[in-house]
Amino acid sequence: MWMWIVIGLGSFLGLSLLVGFVLARILGTIGLQISEMHEREDWTNLPPARALKDVEEQQPDEVEAKASRVVRLR
């Protein structure tokens, strides 16, 4: 009976270590990819997508549209 307890505990500890190493490897890979992305920093120099539109031309239209949509509640 004690042999089965030793086998069970050994299996549990071995499986726990195996799962821990697999998770560490996955998280390490993700960390390397993120650090490579920060090293390149190409994405940080790009303007936001909405900055590509000409905001100055669209603002007066938006203000007029908002002003005409005012609804009063009684």
C-alpha atoms as a PDB file:
ATOM      1  CA  MET A   1       0.000   0.000   0.000  1.00  0.00           C
ATOM      2  CA  TRP A   2       2.816   2.436   0.799  1.00  0.00           C
ATOM      3  CA  MET A   3       4.290   1.720  -2.605  1.00  0.00           C
ATOM      4  CA  TRP A   4       1.111   3.018  -4.294  1.00  0.00           C
ATOM      5  CA  ILE A   5       1.237   6.202  -2.198  1.00  0.00           C
ATOM      6  CA  VAL A   6       4.877   6.772  -3.190  1.00  0.00           C
ATOM      7  CA  ILE A   7       4.049   6.142  -6.868  1.00  0.00           C
ATOM      8  CA  GLY A   8       1.069   8.548  -6.681  1.00  0.00           C
ATOM      9  CA  LEU A   9       3.040  11.304  -4.998  1.00  0.00           C
ATOM     10  CA  GLY A  10       5.955  10.875  -7.400  1.00  0.00           C
ATOM     11  CA  SER A  11       3.615  11.006 -10.390  1.00  0.00           C
ATOM     12  CA  PHE A  12       1.886  14.102  -9.039  1.00  0.00           C
ATOM     13  CA  LEU A  13       5.171  15.911  -8.425  1.00  0.00           C
ATOM     14  CA  GLY A  14       6.586  14.881 -11.806  1.00  0.00           C
ATOM     15  CA  LEU A  15       3.463  15.985 -13.663  1.00  0.00           C
ATOM     16  CA  SER A  16       3.421  19.283 -11.770  1.00  0.00           C
ATOM     17  CA  LEU A  17       7.029  19.961 -12.735  1.00  0.00           C
ATOM     18  CA  LEU A  18       6.335  19.064 -16.359  1.00  0.00           C
ATOM     19  CA  VAL A  19       3.338  21.403 -16.563  1.00  0.00           C
ATOM     20  CA  GLY A  20       5.351  24.149 -14.859  1.00  0.00           C
ATOM     21  CA  PHE A  21       8.181  23.861 -17.383  1.00  0.00           C
ATOM     22  CA  VAL A  22       5.741  23.888 -20.311  1.00  0.00           C
ATOM     23  CA  LEU A  23       4.046  27.037 -18.990  1.00  0.00           C
ATOM     24  CA  ALA A  24       7.415  28.681 -18.365  1.00  0.00           C
ATOM     25  CA  ARG A  25       8.479  27.948 -21.920  1.00  0.00           C
ATOM     26  CA  ILE A  26       5.253  29.356 -23.388  1.00  0.00           C
ATOM     27  CA  LEU A  27       5.461  32.516 -21.280  1.00  0.00           C
ATOM     28  CA  GLY A  28       9.150  32.879 -22.118  1.00  0.00           C
ATOM     29  CA  THR A  29       8.373  32.742 -25.832  1.00  0.00           C
ATOM     30  CA  ILE A  30       5.696  35.387 -25.444  1.00  0.00           C
ATOM     31  CA  GLY A  31       8.101  37.564 -23.474  1.00  0.00           C
ATOM     32  CA  LEU A  32      10.773  37.272 -26.174  1.00  0.00           C
ATOM     33  CA  GLN A  33       8.309  38.273 -28.887  1.00  0.00           C
ATOM     34  CA  ILE A  34       7.182  41.310 -26.909  1.00  0.00           C
ATOM     35  CA  SER A  35      10.754  42.389 -26.219  1.00  0.00           C
ATOM     36  CA  GLU A  36      11.631  42.038 -29.912  1.00  0.00           C
ATOM     37  CA  MET A  37       8.645  44.210 -30.780  1.00  0.00           C
ATOM     38  CA  HIS A  38       9.855  46.895 -28.355  1.00  0.00           C
ATOM     39  CA  GLU A  39      13.389  46.705 -29.726  1.00  0.00           C
ATOM     40  CA  ARG A  40      12.225  47.327 -33.276  1.00  0.00           C
ATOM     41  CA  GLU A  41       9.909  50.176 -32.206  1.00  0.00           C
ATOM     42  CA  ASP A  42       8.648  50.628 -35.778  1.00  0.00           C
ATOM     43  CA  TRP A  43       5.082  50.510 -34.557  1.00  0.00           C
ATOM     44  CA  THR A  44       5.663  53.347 -32.069  1.00  0.00           C
ATOM     45  CA  ASN A  45       6.641  55.810 -34.793  1.00  0.00           C
ATOM     46  CA  LEU A  46       3.497  55.262 -36.857  1.00  0.00           C
ATOM     47  CA  PRO A  47       0.687  57.786 -36.485  1.00  0.00           C
ATOM     48  CA  PRO A  48      -2.673  56.533 -35.247  1.00  0.00           C
ATOM     49  CA  ALA A  49      -5.066  55.427 -37.967  1.00  0.00           C
ATOM     50  CA  ARG A  50      -7.487  58.256 -37.270  1.00  0.00           C
ATOM     51  CA  ALA A  51      -4.679  60.815 -37.651  1.00  0.00           C
ATOM     52  CA  LEU A  52      -4.502  59.955 -41.339  1.00  0.00           C
ATOM     53  CA  LYS A  53      -7.866  61.634 -41.900  1.00  0.00           C
ATOM     54  CA  ASP A  54      -7.998  65.374 -42.210  1.00  0.00           C
ATOM     55  CA  VAL A  55      -9.566  66.241 -38.855  1.00  0.00           C
ATOM     56  CA  GLU A  56      -9.749  69.973 -39.520  1.00  0.00           C
ATOM     57  CA  GLU A  57     -12.130  69.526 -42.446  1.00  0.00           C
ATOM     58  CA  GLN A  58     -14.424  67.136 -40.587  1.00  0.00           C
ATOM     59  CA  GLN A  59     -14.835  69.064 -37.336  1.00  0.00           C
ATOM     60  CA  PRO A  60     -17.204  71.828 -38.558  1.00  0.00           C
ATOM     61  CA  ASP A  61     -19.527  69.214 -40.103  1.00  0.00           C
ATOM     62  CA  GLU A  62     -19.615  67.251 -36.873  1.00  0.00           C
ATOM     63  CA  VAL A  63     -20.404  70.345 -34.789  1.00  0.00           C
ATOM     64  CA  GLU A  64     -23.303  71.301 -37.088  1.00  0.00           C
ATOM     65  CA  ALA A  65     -24.663  67.766 -37.045  1.00  0.00           C
ATOM     66  CA  LYS A  66     -24.558  67.618 -33.254  1.00  0.00           C
ATOM     67  CA  ALA A  67     -26.239  71.022 -32.910  1.00  0.00           C
ATOM     68  CA  SER A  68     -29.139  69.996 -35.171  1.00  0.00           C
ATOM     69  CA  ARG A  69     -29.779  66.771 -33.234  1.00  0.00           C
ATOM     70  CA  VAL A  70     -30.608  68.413 -29.908  1.00  0.00           C
ATOM     71  CA  VAL A  71     -33.807  66.947 -28.485  1.00  0.00           C
ATOM     72  CA  ARG A  72     -35.502  68.540 -25.525  1.00  0.00           C
ATOM     73  CA  LEU A  73     -37.278  66.414 -22.959  1.00  0.00           C
ATOM     74  CA  ARG A  74     -40.216  67.801 -20.972  1.00  0.00           C
END
